[in-house]
Amino acid sequence: SLLRWASSLSEPGPTESGPSEGQIFLSESCVKRLLEIAEGSEFLRLQVEGGGCSGFQYKFSLDTVINPDDRQGQRGGARVVVDVDSLAFVKGSMVDFSQELIRSSFQVVSNPQAEKGCSCGTSFSVKF
């Protein structure tokens, strides 16, 4: 099932876009893992940066500082923060925690803003 946070990430006022405007969806495994690793006031920060093999890349980090342009959400005690510029690239996406034999990581999956990604799952190109 999807866990989502929306109202704290949406801009104030009416929106004319689709239902995923300003929303990030959190998988159960994401929430569970975040609750295991975050200590005190730590939260998961999701950023989009230029680079990677497809043009843009996702960056995850644990942080404790909320900036003025940040949008934050919480689900079951797990907190995720996205700056407003990065949110434009990931709105409507799901954040998942994937555990495989060779690595475990937070990942952005089902990003409607991305045209294609690379096999590593950390970079993508944007739809125009």
Protein backbone atom coordinates (compact mmCIF):
# COMPACT_ATOMS: atom_id res chain seq x y z
CA SER A 1 0.00 0.00 0.00
CA LEU A 2 1.10 3.57 -0.58
CA LEU A 3 1.90 5.90 2.25
CA ARG A 4 1.81 9.48 1.14
CA TRP A 5 2.20 12.96 2.39
CA ALA A 6 0.81 15.76 0.36
CA SER A 7 -0.61 18.76 2.17
CA SER A 8 2.69 19.88 3.68
CA LEU A 9 4.42 19.63 0.30
CA SER A 10 1.81 21.42 -1.76
CA GLU A 11 1.94 25.13 -2.40
CA PRO A 12 -0.84 27.11 -0.73
CA GLY A 13 -3.91 27.86 -2.82
CA PRO A 14 -5.77 25.94 -5.50
CA THR A 15 -3.90 23.81 -8.01
CA GLU A 16 -4.92 23.12 -11.58
CA SER A 17 -2.63 20.15 -12.05
CA GLY A 18 -3.26 16.47 -11.52
CA PRO A 19 -3.75 14.74 -8.18
CA SER A 20 -0.01 14.06 -7.74
CA GLU A 21 0.91 17.77 -7.78
CA GLY A 22 3.38 18.36 -4.95
CA GLN A 23 3.07 14.85 -3.57
CA ILE A 24 5.71 12.27 -2.80
CA PHE A 25 4.65 8.73 -2.00
CA LEU A 26 6.51 6.68 0.61
CA SER A 27 6.60 2.90 0.49
CA GLU A 28 6.23 0.93 3.69
CA SER A 29 9.85 -0.25 3.41
CA CYS A 30 11.01 3.39 3.16
CA VAL A 31 9.14 4.38 6.31
CA LYS A 32 10.33 1.29 8.18
CA ARG A 33 14.01 1.80 7.28
CA LEU A 34 13.92 5.51 8.01
CA LEU A 35 12.51 4.86 11.46
CA GLU A 36 15.38 2.41 12.06
CA ILE A 37 18.22 4.76 11.08
CA ALA A 38 17.08 8.30 11.91
CA GLU A 39 18.09 9.51 15.35
CA GLY A 40 16.56 12.41 17.26
CA SER A 41 15.65 15.24 14.90
CA GLU A 42 17.14 13.59 11.78
CA PHE A 43 15.09 13.24 8.63
CA LEU A 44 15.68 11.97 5.11
CA ARG A 45 16.52 14.72 2.62
CA LEU A 46 15.87 14.07 -1.07
CA GLN A 47 17.62 16.34 -3.57
CA VAL A 48 17.92 16.36 -7.35
CA GLU A 49 21.26 17.48 -8.75
CA GLY A 50 22.69 17.83 -12.23
CA GLY A 51 24.98 14.97 -13.20
CA GLY A 52 24.91 11.22 -13.39
CA CYS A 53 24.84 9.24 -16.61
CA SER A 54 21.37 10.52 -17.64
CA GLY A 55 21.57 14.25 -16.79
CA PHE A 56 20.10 14.40 -13.29
CA GLN A 57 20.69 12.32 -10.20
CA TYR A 58 18.90 11.67 -6.92
CA LYS A 59 20.78 12.36 -3.70
CA PHE A 60 19.63 11.08 -0.31
CA SER A 61 21.10 12.16 3.01
CA LEU A 62 20.18 12.36 6.68
CA ASP A 63 19.84 15.98 7.76
CA THR A 64 18.65 18.05 10.72
CA VAL A 65 18.35 21.56 9.18
CA ILE A 66 15.11 22.79 7.58
CA ASN A 67 15.69 25.56 5.01
CA PRO A 68 13.09 28.22 4.05
CA ASP A 69 12.45 26.64 0.62
CA ASP A 70 11.99 23.11 1.98
CA ARG A 71 8.75 21.17 1.88
CA GLN A 72 8.44 18.49 4.53
CA GLY A 73 6.24 15.54 5.13
CA GLN A 74 5.84 12.95 7.82
CA ARG A 75 4.30 9.50 7.91
CA GLY A 76 4.28 7.28 10.96
CA GLY A 77 7.07 9.31 12.56
CA ALA A 78 9.35 9.10 9.48
CA ARG A 79 10.17 12.54 8.06
CA VAL A 80 11.23 13.38 4.50
CA VAL A 81 12.24 16.83 3.25
CA VAL A 82 12.54 18.03 -0.35
CA ASP A 83 13.57 21.53 -1.45
CA VAL A 84 11.07 23.23 -3.74
CA ASP A 85 13.40 23.09 -6.80
CA SER A 86 13.97 19.34 -6.40
CA LEU A 87 10.27 18.76 -5.78
CA ALA A 88 9.53 19.89 -9.35
CA PHE A 89 11.61 16.93 -10.59
CA VAL A 90 10.13 14.27 -8.27
CA LYS A 91 6.48 15.20 -7.66
CA GLY A 92 4.27 12.18 -8.06
CA SER A 93 7.17 9.79 -7.38
CA MET A 94 7.55 7.09 -4.79
CA VAL A 95 10.51 6.83 -2.43
CA ASP A 96 11.33 3.21 -1.68
CA PHE A 97 13.99 1.38 0.30
CA SER A 98 15.44 -1.51 -1.65
CA GLN A 99 17.56 -4.23 -0.10
CA GLU A 100 19.47 -6.48 -2.49
CA LEU A 101 22.42 -8.84 -2.16
CA ILE A 102 24.93 -6.28 -3.43
CA ARG A 103 23.48 -3.08 -1.93
CA SER A 104 20.67 -1.49 -0.02
CA SER A 105 19.52 2.05 -0.71
CA PHE A 106 16.73 4.56 -0.81
CA GLN A 107 15.48 4.97 -4.38
CA VAL A 108 13.03 7.09 -6.30
CA VAL A 109 10.75 4.79 -8.28
CA SER A 110 7.84 5.49 -10.66
CA ASN A 111 8.87 9.11 -11.31
CA PRO A 112 6.32 10.63 -13.71
CA GLN A 113 8.71 13.56 -14.37
CA ALA A 114 11.48 11.24 -15.66
CA GLU A 115 11.69 10.17 -19.27
CA LYS A 116 14.26 7.45 -18.76
CA GLY A 117 16.71 6.32 -16.14
CA CYS A 118 19.93 4.42 -16.02
CA SER A 119 20.47 0.89 -14.84
CA CYS A 120 21.92 2.04 -11.51
CA GLY A 121 18.60 3.70 -10.62
CA THR A 122 20.18 6.91 -9.33
CA SER A 123 20.06 9.09 -12.44
CA PHE A 124 17.38 10.09 -14.93
CA SER A 125 16.52 12.47 -17.74
CA VAL A 126 13.55 14.83 -17.62
CA LYS A 127 10.47 14.81 -19.85
CA PHE A 128 10.06 17.98 -21.87
